[in-house]
Protein backbone atom coordinates (compact mmCIF):
# COMPACT_ATOMS: atom_id res chain seq x y z
CA MET A 1 0.18 0.03 0.18
CA ILE A 2 1.01 3.54 -0.53
CA THR A 3 1.15 5.69 1.96
CA VAL A 4 0.53 9.43 1.59
CA ARG A 5 2.53 11.97 3.63
CA ARG A 6 1.26 14.67 5.22
CA LEU A 7 2.38 17.87 3.35
CA THR A 8 4.70 20.02 5.11
CA GLN A 9 3.51 24.13 6.12
CA ARG A 10 5.50 25.15 2.77
CA GLU A 11 4.16 23.12 0.40
CA GLN A 12 0.39 23.71 1.93
CA ASN A 13 1.80 27.59 1.55
CA ILE A 14 2.60 26.67 -2.56
CA PHE A 15 -0.27 24.49 -3.29
CA ALA A 16 -2.83 27.46 -1.58
CA VAL A 17 -1.26 30.13 -4.10
CA CYS A 18 -1.02 27.34 -7.34
CA LEU A 19 -5.05 27.21 -5.95
CA ILE A 20 -5.53 30.73 -5.78
CA LEU A 21 -3.72 31.17 -9.17
CA ALA A 22 -5.75 28.76 -11.28
CA PHE A 23 -8.81 30.17 -9.92
CA ILE A 24 -7.77 33.70 -10.81
CA TYR A 25 -6.52 32.35 -14.18
CA MET A 26 -9.78 30.61 -14.76
CA GLY A 27 -12.20 33.81 -13.49
CA TYR A 28 -10.26 35.86 -15.84
CA ASN A 29 -10.26 34.40 -18.85
CA GLY A 30 -14.05 32.98 -17.68
CA LEU A 31 -15.46 35.84 -16.94
CA VAL A 32 -13.37 39.00 -16.52
CA ARG A 33 -11.81 38.65 -20.70
CA PRO A 34 -15.37 37.86 -22.47
CA PHE A 35 -16.96 40.78 -20.52
CA HIS A 36 -13.94 42.79 -21.63
CA GLU A 37 -14.18 41.78 -25.35
CA LYS A 38 -18.06 42.58 -25.31
CA ILE A 39 -17.33 46.06 -23.99
CA ILE A 40 -15.11 46.96 -26.40
CA LEU A 41 -17.46 45.19 -29.24
CA LEU A 42 -20.18 47.56 -27.72
CA ASP A 43 -18.15 50.38 -27.67
CA GLN A 44 -17.20 49.61 -31.28
CA SER A 45 -20.93 49.41 -31.85
CA ILE A 46 -21.56 52.95 -30.05
CA GLY A 47 -19.00 54.15 -31.96
CA ALA A 48 -20.78 53.29 -35.56
CA HIS A 49 -23.99 54.29 -34.59
CA GLN A 50 -23.12 57.70 -33.32
CA ARG A 51 -21.25 58.47 -36.96
CA LYS A 52 -24.44 57.27 -38.32
CA LEU A 53 -26.53 58.97 -36.22
CA SER A 54 -24.48 62.34 -37.14
CA GLN A 55 -24.51 61.66 -40.03
CA ASN A 56 -28.07 61.36 -40.81
CA LEU A 57 -28.75 64.54 -38.75
CA ARG A 58 -26.10 66.24 -40.98
CA MET A 59 -28.47 65.17 -44.13
CA ILE A 60 -31.65 66.10 -42.24
CA ARG A 61 -30.07 69.92 -41.94
CA GLU A 62 -29.12 70.05 -45.63
CA ALA A 63 -32.22 68.96 -46.68
CA GLU A 64 -34.05 71.43 -44.26
CA SER A 65 -32.11 74.15 -45.77
CA LEU A 66 -33.10 73.05 -49.07
CA GLU A 67 -36.31 73.08 -48.59
CA ARG A 68 -36.09 76.79 -47.00
CA LYS A 69 -34.68 77.32 -50.52
CA TYR A 70 -37.09 75.79 -52.63
CA ASP A 71 -40.27 76.64 -50.95
CA PRO A 72 -40.86 79.68 -52.70
CA TYR A 73 -40.42 78.17 -55.86
CA LEU A 74 -42.98 75.23 -54.28
CA LYS A 75 -45.02 77.89 -53.28
CA LYS A 76 -45.38 79.22 -57.51
CA PHE A 77 -46.03 75.54 -58.58
CA LYS A 78 -48.43 74.21 -56.35
CA GLN A 79 -52.04 73.88 -57.84
CA SER A 80 -54.25 75.25 -54.99
CA LYS A 81 -57.16 74.92 -57.22
CA SER A 82 -59.55 72.71 -59.24
CA ASN A 83 -57.99 72.11 -62.44
CA GLU A 84 -60.96 73.37 -64.72
CA GLN A 85 -60.04 76.89 -62.33
CA ALA A 86 -56.46 76.69 -63.06
CA MET A 87 -57.14 76.82 -66.29
CA SER A 88 -59.28 79.45 -66.58
CA SER A 89 -56.61 81.56 -64.45
CA ILE A 90 -54.39 80.47 -66.92
CA LEU A 91 -56.23 81.76 -69.72
CA ALA A 92 -56.94 84.89 -67.59
CA GLU A 93 -53.29 85.47 -67.16
CA ILE A 94 -52.20 85.02 -70.79
CA GLU A 95 -55.44 87.90 -71.79
CA GLU A 96 -53.58 90.09 -69.06
CA VAL A 97 -50.07 89.93 -70.14
CA ALA A 98 -51.59 90.22 -74.04
CA GLY A 99 -54.25 92.76 -73.32
CA GLY A 100 -50.84 95.05 -71.23
CA LEU A 101 -48.69 94.87 -74.21
CA ASN A 102 -51.59 96.02 -76.88
CA LEU A 103 -51.68 92.46 -78.54
CA ARG A 104 -55.01 90.98 -79.92
CA ILE A 105 -55.39 87.58 -79.00
CA SER A 106 -57.65 85.92 -81.84
CA ASN A 107 -58.14 82.71 -81.34
CA LEU A 108 -57.39 81.52 -76.95
CA LYS A 109 -58.64 77.73 -77.20
CA PRO A 110 -57.56 75.68 -73.33
CA ASN A 111 -55.87 71.54 -74.02
CA LYS A 112 -57.34 69.17 -72.10
CA VAL A 113 -54.73 68.76 -69.05
CA LYS A 114 -52.40 66.22 -68.95
CA LYS A 115 -51.93 64.29 -65.33
CA GLU A 116 -48.65 63.38 -64.93
CA GLU A 117 -47.49 61.67 -61.84
CA PHE A 118 -46.19 64.09 -60.13
CA TYR A 119 -47.73 66.94 -62.00
CA ASN A 120 -50.25 68.65 -64.03
CA ARG A 121 -49.57 70.24 -67.64
CA PHE A 122 -51.59 72.33 -68.52
CA SER A 123 -51.90 73.29 -72.27
CA VAL A 124 -53.37 76.58 -73.98
CA SER A 125 -53.02 77.33 -77.93
CA LEU A 126 -53.59 81.15 -78.91
CA SER A 127 -53.13 82.74 -82.46
CA LEU A 128 -52.71 86.09 -82.63
CA GLU A 129 -51.03 88.72 -85.36
CA SER A 130 -48.94 91.40 -84.42
CA ASP A 131 -45.42 93.45 -85.02
CA PHE A 132 -42.76 90.16 -84.81
CA ALA A 133 -41.05 92.64 -81.81
CA ASP A 134 -44.25 92.77 -80.01
CA VAL A 135 -45.07 89.08 -80.11
CA LEU A 136 -41.17 88.17 -79.18
CA HIS A 137 -41.85 90.50 -75.88
CA PHE A 138 -45.03 88.94 -75.13
CA LEU A 139 -43.33 85.47 -75.00
CA TYR A 140 -40.55 86.91 -73.19
CA ILE A 141 -42.74 87.82 -70.13
CA LEU A 142 -44.66 84.66 -70.32
CA GLN A 143 -41.38 82.61 -69.92
CA ASN A 144 -39.85 84.59 -66.88
CA ASP A 145 -41.23 85.27 -63.43
CA PRO A 146 -44.13 85.27 -62.50
CA HIS A 147 -45.66 83.84 -65.15
CA LEU A 148 -43.45 80.47 -65.92
CA PHE A 149 -44.66 79.66 -68.97
CA ARG A 150 -43.24 76.82 -71.44
CA ILE A 151 -43.58 77.25 -75.09
CA GLU A 152 -44.18 74.09 -76.55
CA GLU A 153 -45.08 75.02 -80.06
CA VAL A 154 -44.59 78.12 -82.02
CA HIS A 155 -45.12 78.83 -85.77
CA PHE A 156 -44.64 81.93 -87.68
CA GLU A 157 -46.71 82.59 -90.66
CA LYS A 158 -46.30 86.14 -92.86
CA GLY A 159 -49.44 86.56 -95.25
CA ALA A 160 -50.13 88.61 -98.02
CA ALA A 161 -52.52 90.85 -97.37
CA MET A 162 -50.12 91.79 -94.13
CA THR A 163 -48.33 94.62 -93.68
CA ALA A 164 -44.00 94.36 -93.62
CA THR A 165 -43.73 94.00 -89.81
CA THR A 166 -46.86 92.50 -88.76
CA ILE A 167 -47.10 88.33 -88.73
CA ARG A 168 -49.79 86.20 -87.73
CA THR A 169 -48.10 83.67 -85.17
CA GLN A 170 -49.81 80.32 -83.61
CA ILE A 171 -48.51 79.26 -80.05
CA VAL A 172 -48.96 76.24 -77.47
CA LEU A 173 -48.24 77.50 -73.98
CA GLU A 174 -47.64 74.64 -71.41
CA LYS A 175 -47.56 75.23 -67.34
CA ILE A 176 -46.92 72.58 -64.91
CA SER A 177 -48.74 72.91 -61.53
CA LEU A 178 -47.81 70.05 -58.55
CA PRO A 179 -51.27 68.93 -57.67
């Protein structure tokens, strides 16, 4: 039989220190290290989310500044009336500009409203006889602020019975409104 001898005080102290070191090692590798790695991963995740949040906030500020910048233009193109009322005001607007320039419109005819995906396209056909320079001035006024018409078509005809500077003009004007 094998006899087990009793450990000396020195050996007991060494054994106790070894046990303490083993528990410290297992505690560090089992608890502290995974917890520390988890903290590092959470810090990295928080940093990434903070960068994304600051990027999103910057985009929101830019969008708000663009919205403020383009809000006056949106108000100009926003349609606040029904299509029939908007067409009537467009016709009145054209007649008012022509009246201010002493142009005589011989034929003013609204075309059908074309409904696009994000906007309505109002089109008007008109005929007038006047001096070429007056017609060009009329078109210039209609294309600029506050009218903002687009010329879809224009045809100039010189008739035999007309004076040297008079010209017959057929015009198709277009205006876009956001519903």
